Amino acid sequence: MKEVLAYQQTADEPDTLLSLLAELFDQIATSRRKFGILHPKKFVTKVKKENVLFDNMQQQDAHEFLNYLLNTIGDLLAARQREVGQPGSRTWIQDIFQGTLTNETRCLVCETVRSKDEDFLDLSVDIEQNTSLTHCLKTFSSHERLCSESKYYCEQCCSKQEATKRLRVKKLPLILALHLKRFKYVEQFNKFVKLSHRVVFPWELKLFNTSGDADSTDHMYDLIAVVVHCGSGPNRGHYITIVKSHGFWLLYDDDIVEEIEPHEIENYFGLTDAQQLQRTGASESGYILFYQCRNLT
């Protein structure tokens, strides 16, 4: 919160998403009331004005909003740094959320390996029925065969060759945001449908899909928040959030906040096949998971 509070609007500056977010955080930090709610009207109005995607009454995707917010604030921070003569410096968005993936491609003829790095603020992983987050992450980094029309052009062989490629984590972020891909386009229905699959996510997470030259391979992560989608599809339903605060788990549902027991989080893993047959309506499923590195520096 302290990083955001430093960017409150001054009298001669126009409103930005960052300054309006800082205003909200300031209202929370300075409120004398132990209970109550805040109405983020100015912030929501600015979001709708800045991005037409959110300027309607339909339910919007929480993951799309997270990406938009982090990238927009990152751009605003970078612009400020340029103004004070510090172009290229890392912002606190990068310090907190940014990690690095390495895309490794191995030619199956000459065995040459080419690597290309790319930064990320969150990871989107495919899900399967009755599985775990650890399994999903292993699948995320599994080998993919490049053959037939998808052959890889090997610079060493100077021709297209069969190859394998995979993604691995090279640099771990302080806060790891994991997006479970619960909405899948089904051509038969010509629309996106929700995958209410049961995916068990742990309270403690260690990443095993790191590259050999990763900056650290022994970081443990602790679950600190879960964004839950409640509904039957991407354009209908509701979002709630579960957050760990001062050792307690709190469930936020609009203006309702209540404490829940840790074991109740299991209710948001998703549904088994049998449970889906019994329930034809909406499901409450973990959608975005936030893990905090235990060795914060």
C-alpha atoms as a PDB file:
ATOM      1  CA  MET A   1       0.000   0.000   0.000  1.00  0.00           C
ATOM      2  CA  LYS A   2       2.810   2.448   0.819  1.00  0.00           C
ATOM      3  CA  GLU A   3       4.071   2.345  -2.783  1.00  0.00           C
ATOM      4  CA  VAL A   4       0.642   3.400  -4.076  1.00  0.00           C
ATOM      5  CA  LEU A   5       0.123   6.128  -1.456  1.00  0.00           C
ATOM      6  CA  ALA A   6       3.200   7.955  -2.753  1.00  0.00           C
ATOM      7  CA  TYR A   7       1.350   8.785  -5.978  1.00  0.00           C
ATOM      8  CA  GLN A   8      -1.629  10.748  -4.730  1.00  0.00           C
ATOM      9  CA  GLN A   9      -2.808  13.504  -7.032  1.00  0.00           C
ATOM     10  CA  THR A  10      -1.517  17.052  -6.607  1.00  0.00           C
ATOM     11  CA  ALA A  11      -3.585  20.132  -7.350  1.00  0.00           C
ATOM     12  CA  ASP A  12      -2.045  20.752 -10.797  1.00  0.00           C
ATOM     13  CA  GLU A  13      -2.175  17.148 -12.044  1.00  0.00           C
ATOM     14  CA  PRO A  14      -5.004  15.369 -13.868  1.00  0.00           C
ATOM     15  CA  ASP A  15      -6.542  12.207 -12.470  1.00  0.00           C
ATOM     16  CA  THR A  16      -4.929   8.921 -13.469  1.00  0.00           C
ATOM     17  CA  LEU A  17      -5.746   5.348 -12.522  1.00  0.00           C
ATOM     18  CA  LEU A  18      -2.709   5.418 -10.263  1.00  0.00           C
ATOM     19  CA  SER A  19      -3.670   8.627  -8.451  1.00  0.00           C
ATOM     20  CA  LEU A  20      -7.275   7.448  -8.021  1.00  0.00           C
ATOM     21  CA  LEU A  21      -6.088   4.100  -6.683  1.00  0.00           C
ATOM     22  CA  ALA A  22      -3.826   5.991  -4.276  1.00  0.00           C
ATOM     23  CA  GLU A  23      -6.832   8.059  -3.199  1.00  0.00           C
ATOM     24  CA  LEU A  24      -8.778   4.880  -2.408  1.00  0.00           C
ATOM     25  CA  PHE A  25      -5.874   3.443  -0.425  1.00  0.00           C
ATOM     26  CA  ASP A  26      -5.512   6.722   1.464  1.00  0.00           C
ATOM     27  CA  GLN A  27      -9.190   6.644   2.429  1.00  0.00           C
ATOM     28  CA  ILE A  28      -8.704   3.110   3.764  1.00  0.00           C
ATOM     29  CA  ALA A  29      -5.504   3.993   5.652  1.00  0.00           C
ATOM     30  CA  THR A  30      -6.811   7.193   7.254  1.00  0.00           C
ATOM     31  CA  SER A  31     -10.379   6.129   8.023  1.00  0.00           C
ATOM     32  CA  ARG A  32     -11.266   6.382  11.704  1.00  0.00           C
ATOM     33  CA  ARG A  33     -14.076   3.880  11.335  1.00  0.00           C
ATOM     34  CA  LYS A  34     -13.450   0.239  12.149  1.00  0.00           C
ATOM     35  CA  PHE A  35     -16.275  -0.795   9.850  1.00  0.00           C
ATOM     36  CA  GLY A  36     -17.765   0.567   6.667  1.00  0.00           C
ATOM     37  CA  ILE A  37     -17.475   0.534   2.898  1.00  0.00           C
ATOM     38  CA  LEU A  38     -15.934   2.755   0.244  1.00  0.00           C
ATOM     39  CA  HIS A  39     -17.525   3.568  -3.087  1.00  0.00           C
ATOM     40  CA  PRO A  40     -14.793   3.627  -5.806  1.00  0.00           C
ATOM     41  CA  LYS A  41     -16.953   5.670  -8.170  1.00  0.00           C
ATOM     42  CA  LYS A  42     -14.172   7.927  -9.491  1.00  0.00           C
ATOM     43  CA  PHE A  43     -11.865   4.960 -10.041  1.00  0.00           C
ATOM     44  CA  VAL A  44     -14.525   2.916 -11.870  1.00  0.00           C
ATOM     45  CA  THR A  45     -15.512   5.912 -14.001  1.00  0.00           C
ATOM     46  CA  LYS A  46     -11.865   6.425 -14.985  1.00  0.00           C
ATOM     47  CA  VAL A  47     -11.472   2.742 -15.895  1.00  0.00           C
ATOM     48  CA  LYS A  48     -14.539   2.923 -18.154  1.00  0.00           C
ATOM     49  CA  LYS A  49     -13.287   6.131 -19.757  1.00  0.00           C
ATOM     50  CA  GLU A  50      -9.784   4.794 -20.379  1.00  0.00           C
ATOM     51  CA  ASN A  51     -10.830   1.369 -21.715  1.00  0.00           C
ATOM     52  CA  VAL A  52     -14.043   0.837 -23.696  1.00  0.00           C
ATOM     53  CA  LEU A  53     -13.842  -2.893 -22.941  1.00  0.00           C
ATOM     54  CA  PHE A  54     -15.070  -2.136 -19.419  1.00  0.00           C
ATOM     55  CA  ASP A  55     -17.579   0.576 -20.385  1.00  0.00           C
ATOM     56  CA  ASN A  56     -20.752  -1.497 -20.265  1.00  0.00           C
ATOM     57  CA  MET A  57     -23.010  -3.284 -17.820  1.00  0.00           C
ATOM     58  CA  GLN A  58     -21.795  -6.794 -18.665  1.00  0.00           C
ATOM     59  CA  GLN A  59     -19.643  -8.830 -16.315  1.00  0.00           C
ATOM     60  CA  GLN A  60     -15.995  -8.327 -17.214  1.00  0.00           C
ATOM     61  CA  ASP A  61     -13.173 -10.824 -16.880  1.00  0.00           C
ATOM     62  CA  ALA A  62     -11.140 -10.417 -13.674  1.00  0.00           C
ATOM     63  CA  HIS A  63      -7.953 -11.642 -15.344  1.00  0.00           C
ATOM     64  CA  GLU A  64      -8.269  -9.135 -18.181  1.00  0.00           C
ATOM     65  CA  PHE A  65      -8.797  -6.378 -15.631  1.00  0.00           C
ATOM     66  CA  LEU A  66      -5.765  -7.480 -13.596  1.00  0.00           C
ATOM     67  CA  ASN A  67      -3.569  -7.374 -16.695  1.00  0.00           C
ATOM     68  CA  TYR A  68      -4.950  -4.011 -17.742  1.00  0.00           C
ATOM     69  CA  LEU A  69      -4.472  -2.478 -14.292  1.00  0.00           C
ATOM     70  CA  LEU A  70      -0.914  -3.750 -13.750  1.00  0.00           C
ATOM     71  CA  ASN A  71       0.244  -2.775 -17.240  1.00  0.00           C
ATOM     72  CA  THR A  72      -1.404   0.661 -17.102  1.00  0.00           C
ATOM     73  CA  ILE A  73       0.054   1.493 -13.696  1.00  0.00           C
ATOM     74  CA  GLY A  74       3.432   0.192 -14.858  1.00  0.00           C
ATOM     75  CA  ASP A  75       3.290   2.550 -17.860  1.00  0.00           C
ATOM     76  CA  LEU A  76       2.328   5.498 -15.635  1.00  0.00           C
ATOM     77  CA  LEU A  77       5.223   4.761 -13.269  1.00  0.00           C
ATOM     78  CA  ALA A  78       7.657   4.458 -16.184  1.00  0.00           C
ATOM     79  CA  ALA A  79       6.457   7.826 -17.533  1.00  0.00           C
ATOM     80  CA  ARG A  80       7.087   9.421 -14.130  1.00  0.00           C
ATOM     81  CA  GLN A  81      10.583   7.987 -14.048  1.00  0.00           C
ATOM     82  CA  ARG A  82      11.325   9.467 -17.450  1.00  0.00           C
ATOM     83  CA  GLU A  83      10.136  12.855 -16.215  1.00  0.00           C
ATOM     84  CA  VAL A  84      12.643  12.787 -13.342  1.00  0.00           C
ATOM     85  CA  GLY A  85      15.497  11.576 -15.533  1.00  0.00           C
ATOM     86  CA  GLN A  86      15.431   7.877 -14.568  1.00  0.00           C
ATOM     87  CA  PRO A  87      14.386   6.126 -17.781  1.00  0.00           C
ATOM     88  CA  GLY A  88      14.721   2.357 -17.812  1.00  0.00           C
ATOM     89  CA  SER A  89      14.573   1.969 -14.026  1.00  0.00           C
ATOM     90  CA  ARG A  90      12.423  -0.840 -12.654  1.00  0.00           C
ATOM     91  CA  THR A  91       9.056   0.141 -11.230  1.00  0.00           C
ATOM     92  CA  TRP A  92       7.527  -1.371  -8.116  1.00  0.00           C
ATOM     93  CA  ILE A  93       5.051  -3.215 -10.348  1.00  0.00           C
ATOM     94  CA  GLN A  94       8.023  -5.055 -11.836  1.00  0.00           C
ATOM     95  CA  ASP A  95       9.698  -5.496  -8.442  1.00  0.00           C
ATOM     96  CA  ILE A  96       6.578  -7.162  -7.033  1.00  0.00           C
ATOM     97  CA  PHE A  97       4.921  -9.062  -9.890  1.00  0.00           C
ATOM     98  CA  GLN A  98       7.443  -9.514 -12.698  1.00  0.00           C
ATOM     99  CA  GLY A  99       9.179 -12.799 -13.349  1.00  0.00           C
ATOM    100  CA  THR A 100      10.973 -14.161 -16.403  1.00  0.00           C
ATOM    101  CA  LEU A 101      10.214 -17.189 -18.576  1.00  0.00           C
ATOM    102  CA  THR A 102      12.755 -18.814 -20.856  1.00  0.00           C
ATOM    103  CA  ASN A 103      11.552 -20.470 -24.056  1.00  0.00           C
ATOM    104  CA  GLU A 104      13.930 -23.337 -24.810  1.00  0.00           C
ATOM    105  CA  THR A 105      13.969 -24.932 -28.275  1.00  0.00           C
ATOM    106  CA  ARG A 106      16.135 -28.005 -28.927  1.00  0.00           C
ATOM    107  CA  CYS A 107      16.907 -29.217 -32.447  1.00  0.00           C
ATOM    108  CA  LEU A 108      16.508 -33.013 -32.560  1.00  0.00           C
ATOM    109  CA  VAL A 109      19.221 -33.337 -35.236  1.00  0.00           C
ATOM    110  CA  CYS A 110      22.161 -31.320 -33.910  1.00  0.00           C
ATOM    111  CA  GLU A 111      20.923 -31.008 -30.289  1.00  0.00           C
ATOM    112  CA  THR A 112      21.539 -27.256 -30.315  1.00  0.00           C
ATOM    113  CA  VAL A 113      19.420 -25.421 -27.730  1.00  0.00           C
ATOM    114  CA  ARG A 114      18.227 -21.861 -28.315  1.00  0.00           C
ATOM    115  CA  SER A 115      16.728 -19.863 -25.457  1.00  0.00           C
ATOM    116  CA  LYS A 116      14.648 -16.711 -25.538  1.00  0.00           C
ATOM    117  CA  ASP A 117      13.603 -14.854 -22.399  1.00  0.00           C
ATOM    118  CA  GLU A 118      10.305 -13.049 -21.881  1.00  0.00           C
ATOM    119  CA  ASP A 119       8.958 -11.239 -18.837  1.00  0.00           C
ATOM    120  CA  PHE A 120       5.575 -11.956 -17.276  1.00  0.00           C
ATOM    121  CA  LEU A 121       3.315 -10.403 -14.632  1.00  0.00           C
ATOM    122  CA  ASP A 122       1.158 -13.516 -14.302  1.00  0.00           C
ATOM    123  CA  LEU A 123       1.081 -17.056 -15.660  1.00  0.00           C
ATOM    124  CA  SER A 124      -1.963 -18.558 -17.372  1.00  0.00           C
ATOM    125  CA  VAL A 125      -2.167 -22.341 -17.062  1.00  0.00           C
ATOM    126  CA  ASP A 126      -4.456 -24.898 -18.676  1.00  0.00           C
ATOM    127  CA  ILE A 127      -6.485 -27.052 -16.305  1.00  0.00           C
ATOM    128  CA  GLU A 128      -7.795 -30.614 -16.328  1.00  0.00           C
ATOM    129  CA  GLN A 129     -10.459 -32.396 -14.323  1.00  0.00           C
ATOM    130  CA  ASN A 130      -9.516 -33.802 -10.893  1.00  0.00           C
ATOM    131  CA  THR A 131      -5.974 -32.520 -10.884  1.00  0.00           C
ATOM    132  CA  SER A 132      -3.708 -30.211  -8.887  1.00  0.00           C
ATOM    133  CA  LEU A 133      -2.065 -26.856  -9.452  1.00  0.00           C
ATOM    134  CA  THR A 134       1.341 -28.558  -9.311  1.00  0.00           C
ATOM    135  CA  HIS A 135       0.294 -30.892 -12.135  1.00  0.00           C
ATOM    136  CA  CYS A 136      -0.964 -27.923 -14.177  1.00  0.00           C
ATOM    137  CA  LEU A 137       2.388 -26.160 -13.775  1.00  0.00           C
ATOM    138  CA  LYS A 138       4.257 -29.290 -14.851  1.00  0.00           C
ATOM    139  CA  THR A 139       2.048 -29.480 -17.940  1.00  0.00           C
ATOM    140  CA  PHE A 140       2.745 -25.790 -18.585  1.00  0.00           C
ATOM    141  CA  SER A 141       6.457 -26.629 -18.857  1.00  0.00           C
ATOM    142  CA  SER A 142       6.140 -29.961 -20.643  1.00  0.00           C
ATOM    143  CA  HIS A 143       7.925 -30.599 -23.950  1.00  0.00           C
ATOM    144  CA  GLU A 144       6.070 -29.801 -27.168  1.00  0.00           C
ATOM    145  CA  ARG A 145       7.111 -31.553 -30.363  1.00  0.00           C
ATOM    146  CA  LEU A 146       7.619 -29.373 -33.435  1.00  0.00           C
ATOM    147  CA  CYS A 147       7.204 -31.494 -36.541  1.00  0.00           C
ATOM    148  CA  SER A 148       5.519 -31.643 -39.961  1.00  0.00           C
ATOM    149  CA  GLU A 149       4.373 -28.133 -40.878  1.00  0.00           C
ATOM    150  CA  SER A 150       5.521 -26.807 -37.484  1.00  0.00           C
ATOM    151  CA  LYS A 151       9.186 -27.721 -37.914  1.00  0.00           C
ATOM    152  CA  TYR A 152      11.731 -25.389 -36.355  1.00  0.00           C
ATOM    153  CA  TYR A 153      14.307 -23.529 -38.450  1.00  0.00           C
ATOM    154  CA  CYS A 154      17.643 -24.455 -36.896  1.00  0.00           C
ATOM    155  CA  GLU A 155      20.348 -21.868 -37.519  1.00  0.00           C
ATOM    156  CA  GLN A 156      23.019 -24.477 -36.853  1.00  0.00           C
ATOM    157  CA  CYS A 157      21.628 -26.902 -39.455  1.00  0.00           C
ATOM    158  CA  CYS A 158      20.524 -24.047 -41.761  1.00  0.00           C
ATOM    159  CA  SER A 159      17.253 -25.871 -42.429  1.00  0.00           C
ATOM    160  CA  LYS A 160      13.946 -26.785 -40.845  1.00  0.00           C
ATOM    161  CA  GLN A 161      14.199 -29.669 -38.426  1.00  0.00           C
ATOM    162  CA  GLU A 162      12.074 -31.481 -35.913  1.00  0.00           C
ATOM    163  CA  ALA A 163      12.544 -30.010 -32.465  1.00  0.00           C
ATOM    164  CA  THR A 164      11.123 -29.809 -28.966  1.00  0.00           C
ATOM    165  CA  LYS A 165      10.303 -26.677 -27.047  1.00  0.00           C
ATOM    166  CA  ARG A 166       9.217 -25.875 -23.518  1.00  0.00           C
ATOM    167  CA  LEU A 167       8.700 -22.942 -21.193  1.00  0.00           C
ATOM    168  CA  ARG A 168      10.481 -22.757 -17.854  1.00  0.00           C
ATOM    169  CA  VAL A 169      10.693 -20.104 -15.167  1.00  0.00           C
ATOM    170  CA  LYS A 170      14.039 -18.333 -15.080  1.00  0.00           C
ATOM    171  CA  LYS A 171      13.310 -15.569 -12.580  1.00  0.00           C
ATOM    172  CA  LEU A 172      10.733 -15.942  -9.827  1.00  0.00           C
ATOM    173  CA  PRO A 173       8.575 -12.950  -8.824  1.00  0.00           C
ATOM    174  CA  LEU A 174       7.893 -11.860  -5.263  1.00  0.00           C
ATOM    175  CA  ILE A 175       4.142 -12.198  -5.825  1.00  0.00           C
ATOM    176  CA  LEU A 176       3.215 -15.029  -8.183  1.00  0.00           C
ATOM    177  CA  ALA A 177      -0.160 -14.540  -9.877  1.00  0.00           C
ATOM    178  CA  LEU A 178      -1.533 -17.732 -11.429  1.00  0.00           C
ATOM    179  CA  HIS A 179      -4.524 -17.604 -13.760  1.00  0.00           C
ATOM    180  CA  LEU A 180      -6.462 -20.872 -14.133  1.00  0.00           C
ATOM    181  CA  LYS A 181      -7.867 -20.959 -17.668  1.00  0.00           C
ATOM    182  CA  ARG A 182     -11.466 -21.812 -16.786  1.00  0.00           C
ATOM    183  CA  PHE A 183     -13.060 -20.413 -19.945  1.00  0.00           C
ATOM    184  CA  LYS A 184     -12.653 -22.440 -23.129  1.00  0.00           C
ATOM    185  CA  TYR A 185     -14.015 -21.783 -26.593  1.00  0.00           C
ATOM    186  CA  VAL A 186     -16.136 -24.703 -27.801  1.00  0.00           C
ATOM    187  CA  GLU A 187     -16.628 -24.653 -31.555  1.00  0.00           C
ATOM    188  CA  GLN A 188     -19.700 -26.885 -31.332  1.00  0.00           C
ATOM    189  CA  PHE A 189     -21.542 -24.216 -29.337  1.00  0.00           C
ATOM    190  CA  ASN A 190     -19.737 -21.252 -30.931  1.00  0.00           C
ATOM    191  CA  LYS A 191     -19.049 -19.724 -27.539  1.00  0.00           C
ATOM    192  CA  PHE A 192     -16.871 -19.847 -24.446  1.00  0.00           C
ATOM    193  CA  VAL A 193     -17.942 -22.219 -21.701  1.00  0.00           C
ATOM    194  CA  LYS A 194     -16.801 -22.448 -18.113  1.00  0.00           C
ATOM    195  CA  LEU A 195     -14.640 -25.344 -16.961  1.00  0.00           C
ATOM    196  CA  SER A 196     -15.698 -25.974 -13.377  1.00  0.00           C
ATOM    197  CA  HIS A 197     -13.041 -28.694 -13.036  1.00  0.00           C
ATOM    198  CA  ARG A 198     -11.771 -29.500  -9.558  1.00  0.00           C
ATOM    199  CA  VAL A 199      -8.197 -28.184  -9.316  1.00  0.00           C
ATOM    200  CA  VAL A 200      -6.600 -28.500  -5.887  1.00  0.00           C
ATOM    201  CA  PHE A 201      -4.321 -25.574  -5.076  1.00  0.00           C
ATOM    202  CA  PRO A 202      -1.999 -25.852  -2.062  1.00  0.00           C
ATOM    203  CA  TRP A 203      -1.380 -23.462   0.811  1.00  0.00           C
ATOM    204  CA  GLU A 204       2.352 -23.850   0.149  1.00  0.00           C
ATOM    205  CA  LEU A 205       3.819 -24.022  -3.358  1.00  0.00           C
ATOM    206  CA  LYS A 206       7.293 -24.754  -4.647  1.00  0.00           C
ATOM    207  CA  LEU A 207       7.977 -24.301  -8.343  1.00  0.00           C
ATOM    208  CA  PHE A 208       9.758 -27.238  -9.951  1.00  0.00           C
ATOM    209  CA  ASN A 209       9.540 -25.973 -13.533  1.00  0.00           C
ATOM    210  CA  THR A 210      12.540 -23.633 -13.237  1.00  0.00           C
ATOM    211  CA  SER A 211      15.389 -23.478 -15.730  1.00  0.00           C
ATOM    212  CA  GLY A 212      18.907 -24.624 -14.937  1.00  0.00           C
ATOM    213  CA  ASP A 213      20.164 -21.037 -14.729  1.00  0.00           C
ATOM    214  CA  ALA A 214      17.253 -19.756 -12.627  1.00  0.00           C
ATOM    215  CA  ASP A 215      18.243 -17.075 -10.116  1.00  0.00           C
ATOM    216  CA  SER A 216      16.780 -19.186  -7.312  1.00  0.00           C
ATOM    217  CA  THR A 217      15.206 -22.633  -7.360  1.00  0.00           C
ATOM    218  CA  ASP A 218      14.358 -23.104  -3.695  1.00  0.00           C
ATOM    219  CA  HIS A 219      11.770 -20.396  -3.037  1.00  0.00           C
ATOM    220  CA  MET A 220       8.645 -21.451  -1.208  1.00  0.00           C
ATOM    221  CA  TYR A 221       5.405 -19.573  -1.860  1.00  0.00           C
ATOM    222  CA  ASP A 222       2.442 -19.131   0.488  1.00  0.00           C
ATOM    223  CA  LEU A 223      -1.123 -18.672  -0.730  1.00  0.00           C
ATOM    224  CA  ILE A 224      -2.343 -15.178   0.202  1.00  0.00           C
ATOM    225  CA  ALA A 225      -5.412 -14.566  -1.984  1.00  0.00           C
ATOM    226  CA  VAL A 226      -7.893 -16.251  -4.315  1.00  0.00           C
ATOM    227  CA  VAL A 227     -10.199 -14.578  -6.827  1.00  0.00           C
ATOM    228  CA  VAL A 228     -13.251 -16.834  -7.221  1.00  0.00           C
ATOM    229  CA  HIS A 229     -15.619 -16.862 -10.177  1.00  0.00           C
ATOM    230  CA  CYS A 230     -19.209 -17.632  -9.206  1.00  0.00           C
ATOM    231  CA  GLY A 231     -21.368 -18.404 -12.189  1.00  0.00           C
ATOM    232  CA  SER A 232     -21.985 -20.644 -15.179  1.00  0.00           C
ATOM    233  CA  GLY A 233     -20.128 -18.731 -17.894  1.00  0.00           C
ATOM    234  CA  PRO A 234     -17.686 -15.920 -18.693  1.00  0.00           C
ATOM    235  CA  ASN A 235     -20.364 -13.270 -19.258  1.00  0.00           C
ATOM    236  CA  ARG A 236     -22.541 -14.018 -16.269  1.00  0.00           C
ATOM    237  CA  GLY A 237     -22.014 -14.491 -12.587  1.00  0.00           C
ATOM    238  CA  HIS A 238     -20.059 -12.733  -9.895  1.00  0.00           C
ATOM    239  CA  TYR A 239     -16.574 -12.480  -8.406  1.00  0.00           C
ATOM    240  CA  ILE A 240     -15.609 -12.792  -4.764  1.00  0.00           C
ATOM    241  CA  THR A 241     -12.153 -12.647  -3.209  1.00  0.00           C
ATOM    242  CA  ILE A 242     -10.571 -14.531  -0.326  1.00  0.00           C
ATOM    243  CA  VAL A 243      -7.586 -12.803   1.321  1.00  0.00           C
ATOM    244  CA  LYS A 244      -5.267 -13.787   4.149  1.00  0.00           C
ATOM    245  CA  SER A 245      -4.806 -10.837   6.523  1.00  0.00           C
ATOM    246  CA  HIS A 246      -2.941 -10.917   9.852  1.00  0.00           C
ATOM    247  CA  GLY A 247      -3.244 -14.707   9.992  1.00  0.00           C
ATOM    248  CA  PHE A 248      -6.999 -14.766   9.267  1.00  0.00           C
ATOM    249  CA  TRP A 249      -8.794 -15.673   6.036  1.00  0.00           C
ATOM    250  CA  LEU A 250     -11.380 -13.078   4.996  1.00  0.00           C
ATOM    251  CA  LEU A 251     -13.999 -13.454   2.286  1.00  0.00           C
ATOM    252  CA  TYR A 252     -14.931 -10.253   0.416  1.00  0.00           C
ATOM    253  CA  ASP A 253     -18.269 -10.275  -1.402  1.00  0.00           C
ATOM    254  CA  ASP A 254     -19.096  -6.692  -2.457  1.00  0.00           C
ATOM    255  CA  ASP A 255     -19.887  -4.894   0.811  1.00  0.00           C
ATOM    256  CA  ILE A 256     -19.956  -8.098   2.874  1.00  0.00           C
ATOM    257  CA  VAL A 257     -16.761  -9.183   4.648  1.00  0.00           C
ATOM    258  CA  GLU A 258     -16.638 -12.285   6.805  1.00  0.00           C
ATOM    259  CA  GLU A 259     -13.982 -14.481   8.351  1.00  0.00           C
ATOM    260  CA  ILE A 260     -13.791 -18.072   7.122  1.00  0.00           C
ATOM    261  CA  GLU A 261     -11.880 -21.105   8.313  1.00  0.00           C
ATOM    262  CA  PRO A 262      -8.881 -22.219   6.200  1.00  0.00           C
ATOM    263  CA  HIS A 263     -10.525 -25.540   5.349  1.00  0.00           C
ATOM    264  CA  GLU A 264     -13.454 -23.675   3.760  1.00  0.00           C
ATOM    265  CA  ILE A 265     -11.163 -22.601   0.915  1.00  0.00           C
ATOM    266  CA  GLU A 266     -11.424 -26.190  -0.321  1.00  0.00           C
ATOM    267  CA  ASN A 267     -15.001 -25.348  -1.323  1.00  0.00           C
ATOM    268  CA  TYR A 268     -13.535 -23.270  -4.157  1.00  0.00           C
ATOM    269  CA  PHE A 269     -11.316 -25.935  -5.744  1.00  0.00           C
ATOM    270  CA  GLY A 270     -14.079 -26.636  -8.283  1.00  0.00           C
ATOM    271  CA  LEU A 271     -16.407 -29.565  -8.956  1.00  0.00           C
ATOM    272  CA  THR A 272     -15.782 -33.221  -9.716  1.00  0.00           C
ATOM    273  CA  ASP A 273     -17.585 -34.835 -12.648  1.00  0.00           C
ATOM    274  CA  ALA A 274     -20.132 -36.342 -10.247  1.00  0.00           C
ATOM    275  CA  GLN A 275     -20.772 -32.991  -8.593  1.00  0.00           C
ATOM    276  CA  GLN A 276     -21.232 -31.320 -11.983  1.00  0.00           C
ATOM    277  CA  LEU A 277     -23.876 -33.889 -12.922  1.00  0.00           C
ATOM    278  CA  GLN A 278     -25.734 -33.133  -9.706  1.00  0.00           C
ATOM    279  CA  ARG A 279     -25.485 -29.344 -10.166  1.00  0.00           C
ATOM    280  CA  THR A 280     -26.630 -27.804 -13.429  1.00  0.00           C
ATOM    281  CA  GLY A 281     -26.292 -24.185 -12.366  1.00  0.00           C
ATOM    282  CA  ALA A 282     -23.468 -21.914 -11.273  1.00  0.00           C
ATOM    283  CA  SER A 283     -20.251 -23.067  -9.643  1.00  0.00           C
ATOM    284  CA  GLU A 284     -17.794 -21.249  -7.378  1.00  0.00           C
ATOM    285  CA  SER A 285     -14.278 -21.936  -8.608  1.00  0.00           C
ATOM    286  CA  GLY A 286     -10.840 -20.510  -7.895  1.00  0.00           C
ATOM    287  CA  TYR A 287      -9.838 -18.388 -10.912  1.00  0.00           C
ATOM    288  CA  ILE A 288      -6.774 -16.308 -10.009  1.00  0.00           C
ATOM    289  CA  LEU A 289      -4.383 -17.400  -7.264  1.00  0.00           C
ATOM    290  CA  PHE A 290      -1.850 -15.137  -5.574  1.00  0.00           C
ATOM    291  CA  TYR A 291       1.201 -16.634  -3.882  1.00  0.00           C
ATOM    292  CA  GLN A 292       3.775 -14.650  -1.889  1.00  0.00           C
ATOM    293  CA  CYS A 293       7.416 -15.627  -1.803  1.00  0.00           C
ATOM    294  CA  ARG A 294       8.404 -16.625   1.709  1.00  0.00           C
ATOM    295  CA  ASN A 295      11.870 -15.035   1.361  1.00  0.00           C
ATOM    296  CA  LEU A 296      10.825 -11.495   0.509  1.00  0.00           C
ATOM    297  CA  THR A 297      13.761  -9.132   0.077  1.00  0.00           C
END
